[in-house]
Protein backbone atom coordinates (compact mmCIF):
# COMPACT_ATOMS: atom_id res chain seq x y z
CA UNK A 1 0.00 0.00 0.00
CA UNK A 2 1.39 3.40 -0.98
CA UNK A 3 2.09 5.84 1.79
CA UNK A 4 1.03 8.80 -0.34
CA UNK A 5 -1.60 8.64 -3.03
CA UNK A 6 -0.91 10.45 -6.28
CA UNK A 7 -3.46 13.17 -6.66
CA UNK A 8 -4.37 13.51 -10.30
CA UNK A 9 -7.47 15.68 -10.00
CA UNK A 10 -7.28 19.09 -8.40
CA UNK A 11 -9.88 20.91 -6.42
CA UNK A 12 -11.94 23.45 -8.35
CA UNK A 13 -10.39 26.87 -7.89
CA UNK A 14 -6.85 25.61 -7.21
CA UNK A 15 -4.37 27.15 -9.62
CA UNK A 16 -0.74 26.21 -10.19
CA UNK A 17 2.16 27.46 -12.29
CA UNK A 18 4.04 24.66 -14.06
CA UNK A 19 7.78 25.37 -14.16
CA UNK A 20 8.37 22.67 -16.78
CA UNK A 21 5.78 23.86 -19.32
CA UNK A 22 5.74 27.52 -18.21
CA UNK A 23 1.97 27.64 -18.06
CA UNK A 24 -0.88 28.09 -15.61
CA UNK A 25 -2.98 25.01 -14.87
CA UNK A 26 -6.13 24.47 -12.87
CA UNK A 27 -5.59 21.58 -10.51
CA UNK A 28 -2.29 19.73 -10.35
CA UNK A 29 -1.56 18.38 -13.82
CA UNK A 30 2.22 18.16 -13.43
CA UNK A 31 4.28 16.64 -10.58
CA UNK A 32 4.69 18.75 -7.43
CA UNK A 33 8.44 19.12 -8.07
CA UNK A 34 7.63 21.05 -11.27
CA UNK A 35 5.07 23.53 -10.00
CA UNK A 36 4.37 26.49 -7.71
CA UNK A 37 1.04 26.72 -5.91
CA UNK A 38 -1.72 26.34 -5.13
CA UNK A 39 -2.90 29.88 -5.77
CA UNK A 40 -6.39 31.23 -5.14
CA UNK A 41 -6.79 32.65 -8.64
CA UNK A 42 -5.55 32.26 -12.19
CA UNK A 43 -4.07 35.78 -12.01
CA UNK A 44 -1.99 34.91 -8.92
CA UNK A 45 -0.66 31.79 -10.66
CA UNK A 46 0.23 33.86 -13.74
CA UNK A 47 2.36 36.10 -11.51
CA UNK A 48 4.14 33.14 -9.85
CA UNK A 49 7.57 33.87 -11.36
CA UNK A 50 7.32 37.61 -10.55
CA UNK A 51 6.31 36.77 -6.99
CA UNK A 52 9.26 34.37 -6.65
CA UNK A 53 11.68 37.03 -7.97
CA UNK A 54 10.29 39.64 -5.55
CA UNK A 55 10.60 37.25 -2.61
CA UNK A 56 14.18 36.35 -3.57
CA UNK A 57 15.15 40.03 -3.59
CA UNK A 58 13.47 40.50 -0.19
CA UNK A 59 15.35 37.54 1.27
CA UNK A 60 18.68 38.53 -0.26
CA UNK A 61 18.43 42.03 1.20
CA UNK A 62 17.02 41.02 4.60
CA UNK A 63 19.67 41.81 7.25
CA UNK A 64 18.35 39.01 9.51
CA UNK A 65 19.65 36.47 6.97
CA UNK A 66 23.13 37.95 6.63
CA UNK A 67 25.87 37.91 9.25
CA UNK A 68 27.99 41.03 9.58
CA UNK A 69 31.21 39.01 9.61
CA UNK A 70 32.43 37.34 6.41
CA UNK A 71 32.05 33.56 6.18
CA UNK A 72 34.80 31.67 7.93
CA UNK A 73 36.03 34.73 9.86
CA UNK A 74 34.79 33.45 13.20
CA UNK A 75 35.52 29.76 12.65
CA UNK A 76 38.26 28.23 14.78
PDB file of N, CA and C in Angstrom:
ATOM      1  N   UNK A   1       0.844  -1.172   0.000  1.00  0.00           N
ATOM      2  CA  UNK A   1       0.000   0.000   0.000  1.00  0.00           C
ATOM      3  C   UNK A   1       0.894   1.241   0.000  1.00  0.00           C
ATOM      4  N   UNK A   2       0.592   2.176  -0.866  1.00  0.00           N
ATOM      5  CA  UNK A   2       1.388   3.399  -0.977  1.00  0.00           C
ATOM      6  C   UNK A   2       1.136   4.306   0.214  1.00  0.00           C
ATOM      7  N   UNK A   3       2.196   4.919   0.669  1.00  0.00           N
ATOM      8  CA  UNK A   3       2.090   5.843   1.788  1.00  0.00           C
ATOM      9  C   UNK A   3       1.367   7.121   1.371  1.00  0.00           C
ATOM     10  N   UNK A   4       1.684   7.609   0.182  1.00  0.00           N
ATOM     11  CA  UNK A   4       1.031   8.799  -0.345  1.00  0.00           C
ATOM     12  C   UNK A   4       0.337   8.439  -1.641  1.00  0.00           C
ATOM     13  N   UNK A   5      -0.874   8.886  -1.794  1.00  0.00           N
ATOM     14  CA  UNK A   5      -1.601   8.637  -3.031  1.00  0.00           C
ATOM     15  C   UNK A   5      -1.306   9.776  -4.001  1.00  0.00           C
ATOM     16  N   UNK A   6      -1.134   9.429  -5.266  1.00  0.00           N
ATOM     17  CA  UNK A   6      -0.911  10.446  -6.280  1.00  0.00           C
ATOM     18  C   UNK A   6      -2.235  11.115  -6.587  1.00  0.00           C
ATOM     19  N   UNK A   7      -2.242  12.415  -6.423  1.00  0.00           N
ATOM     20  CA  UNK A   7      -3.460  13.173  -6.663  1.00  0.00           C
ATOM     21  C   UNK A   7      -3.450  13.654  -8.104  1.00  0.00           C
ATOM     22  N   UNK A   8      -4.355  13.149  -8.893  1.00  0.00           N
ATOM     23  CA  UNK A   8      -4.367  13.509 -10.305  1.00  0.00           C
ATOM     24  C   UNK A   8      -5.414  14.567 -10.611  1.00  0.00           C
ATOM     25  N   UNK A   9      -6.401  14.707  -9.760  1.00  0.00           N
ATOM     26  CA  UNK A   9      -7.467  15.676 -10.000  1.00  0.00           C
ATOM     27  C   UNK A   9      -7.390  16.748  -8.922  1.00  0.00           C
ATOM     28  N   UNK A  10      -7.346  17.991  -9.344  1.00  0.00           N
ATOM     29  CA  UNK A  10      -7.280  19.093  -8.398  1.00  0.00           C
ATOM     30  C   UNK A  10      -8.650  19.519  -7.924  1.00  0.00           C
ATOM     31  N   UNK A  11      -8.641  20.338  -6.904  1.00  0.00           N
ATOM     32  CA  UNK A  11      -9.884  20.912  -6.416  1.00  0.00           C
ATOM     33  C   UNK A  11     -10.259  22.078  -7.313  1.00  0.00           C
ATOM     34  N   UNK A  12     -11.529  22.283  -7.553  1.00  0.00           N
ATOM     35  CA  UNK A  12     -11.938  23.451  -8.346  1.00  0.00           C
ATOM     36  C   UNK A  12     -11.444  24.718  -7.659  1.00  0.00           C
ATOM     37  N   UNK A  13     -10.884  25.623  -8.433  1.00  0.00           N
ATOM     38  CA  UNK A  13     -10.389  26.869  -7.887  1.00  0.00           C
ATOM     39  C   UNK A  13      -8.949  26.838  -7.437  1.00  0.00           C
ATOM     40  N   UNK A  14      -8.273  25.693  -7.522  1.00  0.00           N
ATOM     41  CA  UNK A  14      -6.845  25.608  -7.213  1.00  0.00           C
ATOM     42  C   UNK A  14      -6.058  25.848  -8.493  1.00  0.00           C
ATOM     43  N   UNK A  15      -5.169  26.811  -8.442  1.00  0.00           N
ATOM     44  CA  UNK A  15      -4.373  27.149  -9.617  1.00  0.00           C
ATOM     45  C   UNK A  15      -2.899  26.939  -9.321  1.00  0.00           C
ATOM     46  N   UNK A  16      -2.167  26.489 -10.321  1.00  0.00           N
ATOM     47  CA  UNK A  16      -0.741  26.210 -10.191  1.00  0.00           C
ATOM     48  C   UNK A  16      -0.003  26.815 -11.374  1.00  0.00           C
ATOM     49  N   UNK A  17       1.300  27.043 -11.177  1.00  0.00           N
ATOM     50  CA  UNK A  17       2.156  27.457 -12.288  1.00  0.00           C
ATOM     51  C   UNK A  17       3.148  26.336 -12.516  1.00  0.00           C
ATOM     52  N   UNK A  18       3.148  25.766 -13.714  1.00  0.00           N
ATOM     53  CA  UNK A  18       4.043  24.664 -14.055  1.00  0.00           C
ATOM     54  C   UNK A  18       5.374  25.236 -14.533  1.00  0.00           C
ATOM     55  N   UNK A  19       6.445  24.898 -13.820  1.00  0.00           N
ATOM     56  CA  UNK A  19       7.780  25.374 -14.165  1.00  0.00           C
ATOM     57  C   UNK A  19       8.331  24.671 -15.408  1.00  0.00           C
ATOM     58  N   UNK A  20       7.904  23.462 -15.638  1.00  0.00           N
ATOM     59  CA  UNK A  20       8.370  22.675 -16.779  1.00  0.00           C
ATOM     60  C   UNK A  20       7.786  23.208 -18.096  1.00  0.00           C
ATOM     61  N   UNK A  21       6.471  23.435 -18.103  1.00  0.00           N
ATOM     62  CA  UNK A  21       5.779  23.862 -19.322  1.00  0.00           C
ATOM     63  C   UNK A  21       5.557  25.365 -19.398  1.00  0.00           C
ATOM     64  N   UNK A  22       5.890  26.064 -18.288  1.00  0.00           N
ATOM     65  CA  UNK A  22       5.739  27.519 -18.205  1.00  0.00           C
ATOM     66  C   UNK A  22       4.319  27.958 -18.533  1.00  0.00           C
ATOM     67  N   UNK A  23       3.372  27.303 -17.836  1.00  0.00           N
ATOM     68  CA  UNK A  23       1.966  27.638 -18.055  1.00  0.00           C
ATOM     69  C   UNK A  23       1.174  27.492 -16.764  1.00  0.00           C
ATOM     70  N   UNK A  24       0.038  28.163 -16.737  1.00  0.00           N
ATOM     71  CA  UNK A  24      -0.883  28.085 -15.612  1.00  0.00           C
ATOM     72  C   UNK A  24      -1.799  26.895 -15.837  1.00  0.00           C
ATOM     73  N   UNK A  25      -2.072  26.164 -14.765  1.00  0.00           N
ATOM     74  CA  UNK A  25      -2.981  25.013 -14.874  1.00  0.00           C
ATOM     75  C   UNK A  25      -3.936  25.006 -13.689  1.00  0.00           C
ATOM     76  N   UNK A  26      -5.159  24.604 -13.946  1.00  0.00           N
ATOM     77  CA  UNK A  26      -6.132  24.466 -12.867  1.00  0.00           C
ATOM     78  C   UNK A  26      -6.048  23.042 -12.369  1.00  0.00           C
ATOM     79  N   UNK A  27      -5.801  22.907 -11.072  1.00  0.00           N
ATOM     80  CA  UNK A  27      -5.590  21.579 -10.505  1.00  0.00           C
ATOM     81  C   UNK A  27      -4.194  21.099 -10.852  1.00  0.00           C
ATOM     82  N   UNK A  28      -3.652  20.183 -10.078  1.00  0.00           N
ATOM     83  CA  UNK A  28      -2.290  19.729 -10.350  1.00  0.00           C
ATOM     84  C   UNK A  28      -2.237  18.765 -11.524  1.00  0.00           C
ATOM     85  N   UNK A  29      -1.733  19.241 -12.646  1.00  0.00           N
ATOM     86  CA  UNK A  29      -1.561  18.383 -13.816  1.00  0.00           C
ATOM     87  C   UNK A  29      -0.156  17.787 -13.843  1.00  0.00           C
ATOM     88  N   UNK A  30       0.820  18.582 -13.407  1.00  0.00           N
ATOM     89  CA  UNK A  30       2.218  18.157 -13.434  1.00  0.00           C
ATOM     90  C   UNK A  30       2.666  17.770 -12.025  1.00  0.00           C
ATOM     91  N   UNK A  31       3.781  17.042 -11.901  1.00  0.00           N
ATOM     92  CA  UNK A  31       4.281  16.639 -10.581  1.00  0.00           C
ATOM     93  C   UNK A  31       4.586  17.853  -9.699  1.00  0.00           C
ATOM     94  N   UNK A  32       4.479  17.666  -8.400  1.00  0.00           N
ATOM     95  CA  UNK A  32       4.691  18.747  -7.431  1.00  0.00           C
ATOM     96  C   UNK A  32       6.079  19.371  -7.573  1.00  0.00           C
ATOM     97  N   UNK A  33       7.077  18.590  -7.938  1.00  0.00           N
ATOM     98  CA  UNK A  33       8.440  19.120  -8.071  1.00  0.00           C
ATOM     99  C   UNK A  33       8.558  20.134  -9.204  1.00  0.00           C
ATOM    100  N   UNK A  34       7.586  20.166 -10.097  1.00  0.00           N
ATOM    101  CA  UNK A  34       7.628  21.047 -11.266  1.00  0.00           C
ATOM    102  C   UNK A  34       6.633  22.194 -11.205  1.00  0.00           C
ATOM    103  N   UNK A  35       6.089  22.489 -10.018  1.00  0.00           N
ATOM    104  CA  UNK A  35       5.066  23.533  -9.996  1.00  0.00           C
ATOM    105  C   UNK A  35       5.120  24.381  -8.726  1.00  0.00           C
ATOM    106  N   UNK A  36       4.602  25.592  -8.840  1.00  0.00           N
ATOM    107  CA  UNK A  36       4.365  26.487  -7.711  1.00  0.00           C
ATOM    108  C   UNK A  36       2.863  26.495  -7.475  1.00  0.00           C
ATOM    109  N   UNK A  37       2.471  26.600  -6.219  1.00  0.00           N
ATOM    110  CA  UNK A  37       1.044  26.720  -5.912  1.00  0.00           C
ATOM    111  C   UNK A  37       0.660  25.823  -4.772  1.00  0.00           C
ATOM    112  N   UNK A  38      -0.568  25.786  -4.413  1.00  0.00           N
ATOM    113  CA  UNK A  38      -1.720  26.335  -5.132  1.00  0.00           C
ATOM    114  C   UNK A  38      -1.916  27.828  -4.875  1.00  0.00           C
ATOM    115  N   UNK A  39      -2.520  28.474  -5.849  1.00  0.00           N
ATOM    116  CA  UNK A  39      -2.897  29.878  -5.766  1.00  0.00           C
ATOM    117  C   UNK A  39      -4.418  29.964  -5.783  1.00  0.00           C
ATOM    118  N   UNK A  40      -4.935  31.052  -5.241  1.00  0.00           N
ATOM    119  CA  UNK A  40      -6.388  31.229  -5.140  1.00  0.00           C
ATOM    120  C   UNK A  40      -7.027  31.637  -6.466  1.00  0.00           C
ATOM    121  N   UNK A  41      -6.224  32.212  -7.365  1.00  0.00           N
ATOM    122  CA  UNK A  41      -6.789  32.655  -8.643  1.00  0.00           C
ATOM    123  C   UNK A  41      -5.814  32.401  -9.785  1.00  0.00           C
ATOM    124  N   UNK A  42      -6.355  32.423 -10.977  1.00  0.00           N
ATOM    125  CA  UNK A  42      -5.550  32.261 -12.186  1.00  0.00           C
ATOM    126  C   UNK A  42      -4.521  33.395 -12.288  1.00  0.00           C
ATOM    127  N   UNK A  43      -4.939  34.611 -11.933  1.00  0.00           N
ATOM    128  CA  UNK A  43      -4.067  35.776 -12.015  1.00  0.00           C
ATOM    129  C   UNK A  43      -2.863  35.637 -11.073  1.00  0.00           C
ATOM    130  N   UNK A  44      -3.105  35.135  -9.859  1.00  0.00           N
ATOM    131  CA  UNK A  44      -1.995  34.910  -8.922  1.00  0.00           C
ATOM    132  C   UNK A  44      -1.011  33.896  -9.495  1.00  0.00           C
ATOM    133  N   UNK A  45      -1.526  32.824 -10.074  1.00  0.00           N
ATOM    134  CA  UNK A  45      -0.665  31.794 -10.661  1.00  0.00           C
ATOM    135  C   UNK A  45       0.130  32.359 -11.835  1.00  0.00           C
ATOM    136  N   UNK A  46      -0.476  33.258 -12.614  1.00  0.00           N
ATOM    137  CA  UNK A  46       0.229  33.861 -13.742  1.00  0.00           C
ATOM    138  C   UNK A  46       1.392  34.728 -13.269  1.00  0.00           C
ATOM    139  N   UNK A  47       1.303  35.265 -12.072  1.00  0.00           N
ATOM    140  CA  UNK A  47       2.361  36.103 -11.507  1.00  0.00           C
ATOM    141  C   UNK A  47       3.370  35.301 -10.685  1.00  0.00           C
ATOM    142  N   UNK A  48       3.312  33.997 -10.712  1.00  0.00           N
ATOM    143  CA  UNK A  48       4.145  33.145  -9.853  1.00  0.00           C
ATOM    144  C   UNK A  48       5.634  33.457  -9.974  1.00  0.00           C
ATOM    145  N   UNK A  49       6.142  33.611 -11.174  1.00  0.00           N
ATOM    146  CA  UNK A  49       7.568  33.870 -11.357  1.00  0.00           C
ATOM    147  C   UNK A  49       7.936  35.268 -10.853  1.00  0.00           C
ATOM    148  N   UNK A  50       7.070  36.257 -11.072  1.00  0.00           N
ATOM    149  CA  UNK A  50       7.318  37.610 -10.553  1.00  0.00           C
ATOM    150  C   UNK A  50       7.333  37.592  -9.030  1.00  0.00           C
ATOM    151  N   UNK A  51       6.378  36.877  -8.439  1.00  0.00           N
ATOM    152  CA  UNK A  51       6.306  36.768  -6.987  1.00  0.00           C
ATOM    153  C   UNK A  51       7.574  36.112  -6.438  1.00  0.00           C
ATOM    154  N   UNK A  52       8.041  35.059  -7.083  1.00  0.00           N
ATOM    155  CA  UNK A  52       9.260  34.374  -6.645  1.00  0.00           C
ATOM    156  C   UNK A  52      10.464  35.312  -6.727  1.00  0.00           C
ATOM    157  N   UNK A  53      10.574  36.076  -7.819  1.00  0.00           N
ATOM    158  CA  UNK A  53      11.681  37.031  -7.967  1.00  0.00           C
ATOM    159  C   UNK A  53      11.639  38.087  -6.865  1.00  0.00           C
ATOM    160  N   UNK A  54      10.446  38.628  -6.597  1.00  0.00           N
ATOM    161  CA  UNK A  54      10.294  39.644  -5.551  1.00  0.00           C
ATOM    162  C   UNK A  54      10.684  39.084  -4.184  1.00  0.00           C
ATOM    163  N   UNK A  55      10.262  37.873  -3.895  1.00  0.00           N
ATOM    164  CA  UNK A  55      10.602  37.253  -2.606  1.00  0.00           C
ATOM    165  C   UNK A  55      12.107  36.996  -2.501  1.00  0.00           C
ATOM    166  N   UNK A  56      12.732  36.578  -3.593  1.00  0.00           N
ATOM    167  CA  UNK A  56      14.182  36.353  -3.572  1.00  0.00           C
ATOM    168  C   UNK A  56      14.932  37.642  -3.258  1.00  0.00           C
ATOM    169  N   UNK A  57      14.499  38.747  -3.859  1.00  0.00           N
ATOM    170  CA  UNK A  57      15.146  40.034  -3.588  1.00  0.00           C
ATOM    171  C   UNK A  57      14.952  40.401  -2.117  1.00  0.00           C
ATOM    172  N   UNK A  58      13.735  40.207  -1.606  1.00  0.00           N
ATOM    173  CA  UNK A  58      13.466  40.502  -0.191  1.00  0.00           C
ATOM    174  C   UNK A  58      14.381  39.685   0.718  1.00  0.00           C
ATOM    175  N   UNK A  59      14.523  38.403   0.432  1.00  0.00           N
ATOM    176  CA  UNK A  59      15.347  37.538   1.274  1.00  0.00           C
ATOM    177  C   UNK A  59      16.830  37.890   1.156  1.00  0.00           C
ATOM    178  N   UNK A  60      17.267  38.203  -0.052  1.00  0.00           N
ATOM    179  CA  UNK A  60      18.679  38.527  -0.262  1.00  0.00           C
ATOM    180  C   UNK A  60      19.077  39.836   0.412  1.00  0.00           C
ATOM    181  N   UNK A  61      18.130  40.735   0.590  1.00  0.00           N
ATOM    182  CA  UNK A  61      18.434  42.029   1.201  1.00  0.00           C
ATOM    183  C   UNK A  61      17.982  42.120   2.654  1.00  0.00           C
ATOM    184  N   UNK A  62      17.477  41.035   3.214  1.00  0.00           N
ATOM    185  CA  UNK A  62      17.024  41.024   4.601  1.00  0.00           C
ATOM    186  C   UNK A  62      18.224  40.875   5.536  1.00  0.00           C
ATOM    187  N   UNK A  63      18.487  41.880   6.381  1.00  0.00           N
ATOM    188  CA  UNK A  63      19.670  41.813   7.252  1.00  0.00           C
ATOM    189  C   UNK A  63      19.628  40.663   8.259  1.00  0.00           C
ATOM    190  N   UNK A  64      18.453  40.142   8.575  1.00  0.00           N
ATOM    191  CA  UNK A  64      18.352  39.014   9.505  1.00  0.00           C
ATOM    192  C   UNK A  64      18.978  37.745   8.937  1.00  0.00           C
ATOM    193  N   UNK A  65      19.110  37.670   7.608  1.00  0.00           N
ATOM    194  CA  UNK A  65      19.648  36.473   6.970  1.00  0.00           C
ATOM    195  C   UNK A  65      21.119  36.602   6.618  1.00  0.00           C
ATOM    196  N   UNK A  66      21.728  37.739   6.969  1.00  0.00           N
ATOM    197  CA  UNK A  66      23.129  37.952   6.628  1.00  0.00           C
ATOM    198  C   UNK A  66      23.905  38.310   7.887  1.00  0.00           C
ATOM    199  N   UNK A  67      24.988  37.599   8.123  1.00  0.00           N
ATOM    200  CA  UNK A  67      25.870  37.912   9.249  1.00  0.00           C
ATOM    201  C   UNK A  67      26.736  39.107   8.865  1.00  0.00           C
ATOM    202  N   UNK A  68      27.133  39.875   9.872  1.00  0.00           N
ATOM    203  CA  UNK A  68      27.986  41.029   9.581  1.00  0.00           C
ATOM    204  C   UNK A  68      29.425  40.601   9.280  1.00  0.00           C
ATOM    205  N   UNK A  69      29.848  39.493   9.861  1.00  0.00           N
ATOM    206  CA  UNK A  69      31.213  39.006   9.611  1.00  0.00           C
ATOM    207  C   UNK A  69      31.229  38.131   8.366  1.00  0.00           C
ATOM    208  N   UNK A  70      32.314  38.201   7.587  1.00  0.00           N
ATOM    209  CA  UNK A  70      32.425  37.338   6.408  1.00  0.00           C
ATOM    210  C   UNK A  70      32.464  35.867   6.819  1.00  0.00           C
ATOM    211  N   UNK A  71      32.031  34.996   5.918  1.00  0.00           N
ATOM    212  CA  UNK A  71      32.047  33.558   6.183  1.00  0.00           C
ATOM    213  C   UNK A  71      33.444  33.081   6.524  1.00  0.00           C
ATOM    214  N   UNK A  72      33.532  32.259   7.554  1.00  0.00           N
ATOM    215  CA  UNK A  72      34.797  31.675   7.933  1.00  0.00           C
ATOM    216  C   UNK A  72      35.623  32.556   8.858  1.00  0.00           C
ATOM    217  N   UNK A  73      35.236  33.810   9.029  1.00  0.00           N
ATOM    218  CA  UNK A  73      36.034  34.735   9.857  1.00  0.00           C
ATOM    219  C   UNK A  73      36.021  34.344  11.329  1.00  0.00           C
ATOM    220  N   UNK A  74      34.890  33.804  11.792  1.00  0.00           N
ATOM    221  CA  UNK A  74      34.792  33.447  13.205  1.00  0.00           C
ATOM    222  C   UNK A  74      35.030  31.980  13.490  1.00  0.00           C
ATOM    223  N   UNK A  75      35.315  31.198  12.461  1.00  0.00           N
ATOM    224  CA  UNK A  75      35.521  29.760  12.646  1.00  0.00           C
ATOM    225  C   UNK A  75      36.902  29.491  13.228  1.00  0.00           C
ATOM    226  N   UNK A  76      36.984  28.642  14.204  1.00  0.00           N
ATOM    227  CA  UNK A  76      38.264  28.228  14.785  1.00  0.00           C
ATOM    228  C   UNK A  76      38.377  26.731  14.796  1.00  0.00           C
TER     229      UNK A  76
END
